[in-house]
Amino acid sequence: MAALYVVPTPIGNMSDMTERAKEVLAVCDFVAAEDTRVGGKLLMLLGIKKPLVSCHEHTPAIIVQKIAERIIGGESCALITDAGTPAVSDPGEKLVAECAARGIKICALPGACAAVTALSASGLNSRRFCFEGFLPDSKSERAERIEELRREKRTFIIYLSPHDIESYLEELCEPFGDRKCVLAKEITKIHERYFRGTLSQVAAEFGALPDQDKRGEYLLVCEGMASDDEFWKELTVSQHVERYMALGLSKMDACKQAARDRGVGKSEIYAEVSKQ
């Protein structure tokens, strides 16, 4: 049947490829892959031969549209990513959005997802949680995002690169306090490991590792803010704004964030700071 099939792939252990996912890849007309080299290797391991087309972060919109047009024309397409569930913090979302906008049938298969797998093993509250993906590279944008997460009451999940972990954990410790967290490494792979404790404990344990043992793919699961975690109540408006500026925000953005915290208009914060 002509449709877009969203097919999860293993995040490390090939045994996690479901039978249904294999069946879909075997019968579809073509495969849209984040990286055709990685996708081609997966198909080879499964003994499946299919035409592959690229669908990655830099794929032009016209190519995505052509893939959708092929499906409208009667072909079936399996969307895969390098590892895990396509279209979740993944460039495949562009193709899914295009197909959804055109009314194309979309069939999503259940399967491997690093974020949910780590959450299920974290031991933290999983009744309500949110997924953040990767934090921004820009320090000021990252500081603003971290402040948003500081006020998040749900357990949250962040993807991390090995070279960012120590610095990012340091950036999280000050605004978050010593919250419980779990740093998951190489989930489902041979060197799978979970670092458990508070942010400072996990940062110290990870920092003590030899450099060669720090390589791999990581994500952080962290508990949300306690209801009474409102640091600014003991600060003047100016001190509140200065706290955010110390985290890397501009004066204007710091004033806006302080206004959100206090539940007042930003003009009130600007006026108070201008008196100083």
Protein backbone atom coordinates (compact mmCIF):
# COMPACT_ATOMS: atom_id res chain seq x y z
CA MET A 1 0.00 0.00 0.00
CA ALA A 2 1.28 3.49 -0.87
CA ALA A 3 2.32 5.09 2.41
CA LEU A 4 5.21 6.47 4.40
CA TYR A 5 6.40 3.95 6.98
CA VAL A 6 8.36 5.38 9.91
CA VAL A 7 10.69 2.52 10.82
CA PRO A 8 12.83 2.61 14.01
CA THR A 9 16.30 1.07 13.78
CA PRO A 10 18.53 -0.33 16.56
CA ILE A 11 20.43 2.15 18.74
CA GLY A 12 23.22 -0.36 19.29
CA ASN A 13 21.99 -3.93 19.50
CA MET A 14 20.88 -5.42 16.18
CA SER A 15 18.58 -7.83 18.03
CA ASP A 16 16.34 -4.85 18.80
CA MET A 17 15.22 -4.69 15.15
CA THR A 18 11.61 -5.84 15.25
CA GLU A 19 10.17 -8.45 12.92
CA ARG A 20 7.59 -5.96 11.67
CA ALA A 21 10.34 -3.45 10.84
CA LYS A 22 12.16 -6.11 8.82
CA GLU A 23 8.96 -7.00 6.98
CA VAL A 24 8.26 -3.37 6.06
CA LEU A 25 11.80 -2.85 4.77
CA ALA A 26 11.51 -6.05 2.74
CA VAL A 27 8.27 -5.08 0.97
CA CYS A 28 8.57 -1.29 0.58
CA ASP A 29 9.47 0.18 -2.81
CA PHE A 30 12.32 2.37 -1.56
CA VAL A 31 13.99 3.61 1.63
CA ALA A 32 14.59 7.22 2.70
CA ALA A 33 17.65 7.24 4.98
CA GLU A 34 19.39 9.89 7.08
CA ASP A 35 22.70 8.51 5.76
CA THR A 36 22.51 6.12 2.82
CA ARG A 37 25.82 4.53 3.83
CA VAL A 38 24.52 3.65 7.29
CA GLY A 39 21.15 2.64 5.85
CA GLY A 40 22.81 0.52 3.20
CA LYS A 41 24.85 -1.32 5.81
CA LEU A 42 21.71 -2.03 7.84
CA LEU A 43 19.90 -3.43 4.81
CA MET A 44 22.92 -5.56 3.93
CA LEU A 45 22.98 -7.05 7.45
CA LEU A 46 19.27 -7.86 7.08
CA GLY A 47 19.79 -9.37 3.62
CA ILE A 48 17.51 -6.79 1.99
CA LYS A 49 18.15 -4.93 -1.25
CA LYS A 50 16.23 -1.69 -1.81
CA PRO A 51 16.87 1.64 -3.55
CA LEU A 52 17.92 4.31 -1.05
CA VAL A 53 17.43 8.08 -1.19
CA SER A 54 18.95 10.63 1.18
CA CYS A 55 16.78 12.47 3.67
CA HIS A 56 19.08 14.34 6.04
CA GLU A 57 19.35 17.73 7.70
CA HIS A 58 20.55 19.47 4.55
CA THR A 59 18.28 17.74 2.03
CA PRO A 60 16.65 20.45 -0.14
CA ALA A 61 12.89 20.89 0.22
CA ILE A 62 12.43 19.99 -3.47
CA ILE A 63 13.90 16.51 -2.83
CA VAL A 64 11.59 15.97 0.14
CA GLN A 65 8.68 17.00 -2.07
CA LYS A 66 9.74 14.54 -4.78
CA ILE A 67 9.80 11.70 -2.24
CA ALA A 68 6.26 12.63 -1.21
CA GLU A 69 5.19 12.75 -4.87
CA ARG A 70 6.53 9.23 -5.42
CA ILE A 71 4.33 8.02 -2.58
CA ILE A 72 1.33 9.86 -4.01
CA GLY A 73 2.15 8.12 -7.28
CA GLY A 74 1.63 4.72 -5.66
CA GLU A 75 5.00 3.77 -4.13
CA SER A 76 5.63 2.88 -0.49
CA CYS A 77 8.58 4.43 1.35
CA ALA A 78 10.28 3.35 4.58
CA LEU A 79 11.87 6.22 6.51
CA ILE A 80 14.86 5.25 8.65
CA THR A 81 17.42 7.15 10.68
CA ASP A 82 20.97 6.20 11.65
CA ALA A 83 19.80 4.92 15.04
CA GLY A 84 16.49 4.98 16.88
CA THR A 85 13.10 6.37 15.94
CA PRO A 86 12.99 8.62 12.84
CA ALA A 87 11.57 12.14 13.09
CA VAL A 88 12.23 12.42 16.86
CA SER A 89 15.01 15.02 17.19
CA ASP A 90 15.86 13.82 13.69
CA PRO A 91 15.81 15.36 10.18
CA GLY A 92 13.22 12.80 9.07
CA GLU A 93 10.59 15.07 10.60
CA LYS A 94 10.71 17.16 7.40
CA LEU A 95 9.49 14.24 5.31
CA VAL A 96 6.82 13.27 7.84
CA ALA A 97 5.58 16.88 7.92
CA GLU A 98 5.49 17.04 4.11
CA CYS A 99 3.52 13.80 3.87
CA ALA A 100 1.13 14.86 6.63
CA ALA A 101 0.48 18.18 4.85
CA ARG A 102 -0.36 16.31 1.64
CA GLY A 103 -2.69 13.84 3.32
CA ILE A 104 -0.42 10.86 2.66
CA LYS A 105 -0.96 7.81 4.86
CA ILE A 106 1.71 7.61 7.56
CA CYS A 107 2.33 4.37 9.45
CA ALA A 108 4.66 4.70 12.45
CA LEU A 109 6.16 1.50 13.86
CA PRO A 110 7.12 1.21 17.54
CA GLY A 111 10.76 0.51 18.29
CA ALA A 112 14.05 1.66 19.78
CA CYS A 113 14.27 5.17 21.26
CA ALA A 114 17.27 6.17 23.38
CA ALA A 115 15.36 8.80 25.38
CA VAL A 116 12.57 6.46 26.50
CA THR A 117 14.99 3.59 27.12
CA ALA A 118 17.13 5.73 29.44
CA LEU A 119 14.07 7.14 31.21
CA SER A 120 12.76 3.64 31.91
CA ALA A 121 16.07 2.70 33.57
CA SER A 122 16.58 5.99 35.42
CA GLY A 123 14.47 5.35 38.49
CA LEU A 124 13.28 8.98 38.30
CA ASN A 125 9.65 10.10 38.05
CA SER A 126 8.37 9.00 34.64
CA ARG A 127 4.69 9.90 35.06
CA ARG A 128 5.37 13.28 33.46
CA PHE A 129 8.51 14.03 31.46
CA CYS A 130 9.77 16.16 28.60
CA PHE A 131 12.40 15.65 25.91
CA GLU A 132 14.79 18.51 25.19
CA GLY A 133 17.13 16.94 22.63
CA PHE A 134 20.49 18.71 22.20
CA LEU A 135 21.10 22.07 23.89
CA PRO A 136 22.07 25.05 21.65
CA ASP A 137 25.75 25.54 20.83
CA SER A 138 25.56 29.28 21.52
CA LYS A 139 26.42 29.96 25.17
CA SER A 140 23.80 32.71 25.55
CA GLU A 141 21.08 30.63 23.91
CA ARG A 142 22.09 27.64 26.01
CA ALA A 143 21.92 29.71 29.20
CA GLU A 144 18.40 30.81 28.30
CA ARG A 145 17.34 27.23 27.56
CA ILE A 146 18.90 26.00 30.80
CA GLU A 147 16.93 28.62 32.72
CA GLU A 148 13.72 27.41 31.07
CA LEU A 149 14.60 23.88 32.13
CA ARG A 150 15.44 25.02 35.66
CA ARG A 151 11.78 25.89 36.13
CA GLU A 152 10.58 22.66 34.49
CA LYS A 153 8.78 20.53 37.09
CA ARG A 154 8.78 17.37 34.95
CA THR A 155 11.68 14.96 34.61
CA PHE A 156 13.57 16.01 31.48
CA ILE A 157 15.92 14.34 29.02
CA ILE A 158 18.89 15.97 27.23
CA TYR A 159 21.14 14.49 24.54
CA LEU A 160 24.86 15.18 25.08
CA SER A 161 28.05 14.92 23.05
CA PRO A 162 31.09 13.46 24.90
CA HIS A 163 33.15 16.66 24.61
CA ASP A 164 30.28 18.73 26.08
CA ILE A 165 29.44 16.63 29.13
CA GLU A 166 31.79 18.05 31.77
CA SER A 167 31.19 21.69 30.85
CA TYR A 168 27.43 21.21 30.50
CA LEU A 169 27.12 19.45 33.85
CA GLU A 170 28.96 22.40 35.42
CA GLU A 171 26.55 24.82 33.72
CA LEU A 172 23.59 22.85 35.05
CA CYS A 173 24.83 22.49 38.64
CA GLU A 174 24.62 26.16 39.64
CA PRO A 175 21.08 27.02 38.48
CA PHE A 176 19.63 23.56 39.17
CA GLY A 177 21.23 22.81 42.52
CA ASP A 178 22.26 19.25 43.32
CA ARG A 179 19.31 17.42 41.79
CA LYS A 180 19.15 13.70 41.19
CA CYS A 181 20.09 12.63 37.69
CA VAL A 182 21.24 9.71 35.57
CA LEU A 183 23.86 9.97 32.82
CA ALA A 184 23.38 7.10 30.37
CA LYS A 185 26.24 5.98 28.12
CA GLU A 186 26.13 3.80 24.99
CA ILE A 187 22.64 2.43 25.65
CA THR A 188 22.17 -1.21 24.47
CA LYS A 189 25.84 -1.41 23.38
CA ILE A 190 28.74 -3.39 24.86
CA HIS A 191 29.98 -0.46 26.97
CA GLU A 192 26.54 0.54 28.27
CA ARG A 193 26.78 2.30 31.63
CA TYR A 194 24.59 4.41 33.91
CA PHE A 195 26.07 7.07 36.22
CA ARG A 196 23.61 7.70 39.06
CA GLY A 197 23.53 10.33 41.79
CA THR A 198 23.27 14.09 42.03
CA LEU A 199 24.55 16.39 39.30
CA SER A 200 27.78 17.10 41.19
CA GLN A 201 28.34 13.41 41.97
CA VAL A 202 27.78 12.37 38.37
CA ALA A 203 30.03 15.20 37.14
CA ALA A 204 32.81 14.07 39.49
CA GLU A 205 32.46 10.40 38.57
CA PHE A 206 32.50 11.15 34.85
CA GLY A 207 35.37 13.63 35.20
CA ALA A 208 37.52 10.99 36.93
CA LEU A 209 37.34 8.63 33.94
CA PRO A 210 40.37 8.24 31.63
CA ASP A 211 39.82 10.15 28.38
CA GLN A 212 39.47 6.93 26.35
CA ASP A 213 36.58 5.82 28.57
CA LYS A 214 34.65 9.04 27.97
CA ARG A 215 33.98 8.29 24.31
CA GLY A 216 30.50 7.31 23.20
CA GLU A 217 26.93 8.56 23.00
CA TYR A 218 25.32 10.02 26.11
CA LEU A 219 22.07 11.43 27.39
CA LEU A 220 21.08 12.93 30.71
CA VAL A 221 17.87 12.26 32.62
CA CYS A 222 17.32 14.84 35.37
CA GLU A 223 14.57 15.35 37.93
CA GLY A 224 12.43 18.45 37.62
CA MET A 225 12.20 21.49 39.87
CA ALA A 226 10.59 21.09 43.27
CA SER A 227 7.50 23.29 43.67
CA ASP A 228 9.23 25.54 46.22
CA ASP A 229 12.41 26.05 44.15
CA GLU A 230 12.13 29.80 43.58
CA PHE A 231 15.60 31.18 44.25
CA TRP A 232 14.64 34.73 43.29
CA LYS A 233 12.33 35.28 46.28
CA GLU A 234 15.33 36.25 48.39
CA LEU A 235 16.76 38.60 45.74
CA THR A 236 16.05 42.20 44.84
CA VAL A 237 14.94 42.82 41.26
CA SER A 238 18.42 44.05 40.35
CA GLN A 239 20.07 41.00 41.92
CA HIS A 240 17.62 38.79 40.06
CA VAL A 241 18.55 40.37 36.72
CA GLU A 242 22.27 40.26 37.54
CA ARG A 243 21.96 36.52 38.29
CA TYR A 244 20.75 35.87 34.74
CA MET A 245 23.35 38.15 33.21
CA ALA A 246 26.04 36.14 35.02
CA LEU A 247 24.70 33.06 33.22
CA GLY A 248 25.31 34.71 29.84
CA LEU A 249 22.01 36.45 29.04
CA SER A 250 21.96 40.01 27.73
CA LYS A 251 20.52 42.66 30.06
CA MET A 252 17.30 42.77 28.02
CA ASP A 253 16.84 38.98 28.04
CA ALA A 254 17.71 38.85 31.73
CA CYS A 255 14.98 41.39 32.46
CA LYS A 256 12.47 39.41 30.43
CA GLN A 257 13.34 36.21 32.28
CA ALA A 258 13.07 37.92 35.67
CA ALA A 259 9.66 39.24 34.65
CA ARG A 260 8.51 35.72 33.77
CA ASP A 261 9.72 34.41 37.13
CA ARG A 262 7.92 37.10 39.08
CA GLY A 263 4.78 37.06 37.00
CA VAL A 264 4.96 40.78 36.19
CA GLY A 265 5.28 42.84 33.04
CA LYS A 266 8.80 43.29 31.67
CA SER A 267 8.34 47.08 31.74
CA GLU A 268 8.09 46.89 35.53
CA ILE A 269 11.44 45.09 35.69
CA TYR A 270 13.06 47.54 33.23
CA ALA A 271 11.84 50.48 35.34
CA GLU A 272 13.19 49.01 38.56
CA VAL A 273 16.60 48.19 37.07
CA SER A 274 16.85 51.65 35.48
CA LYS A 275 16.63 53.26 38.92
CA GLN A 276 20.00 51.74 39.85
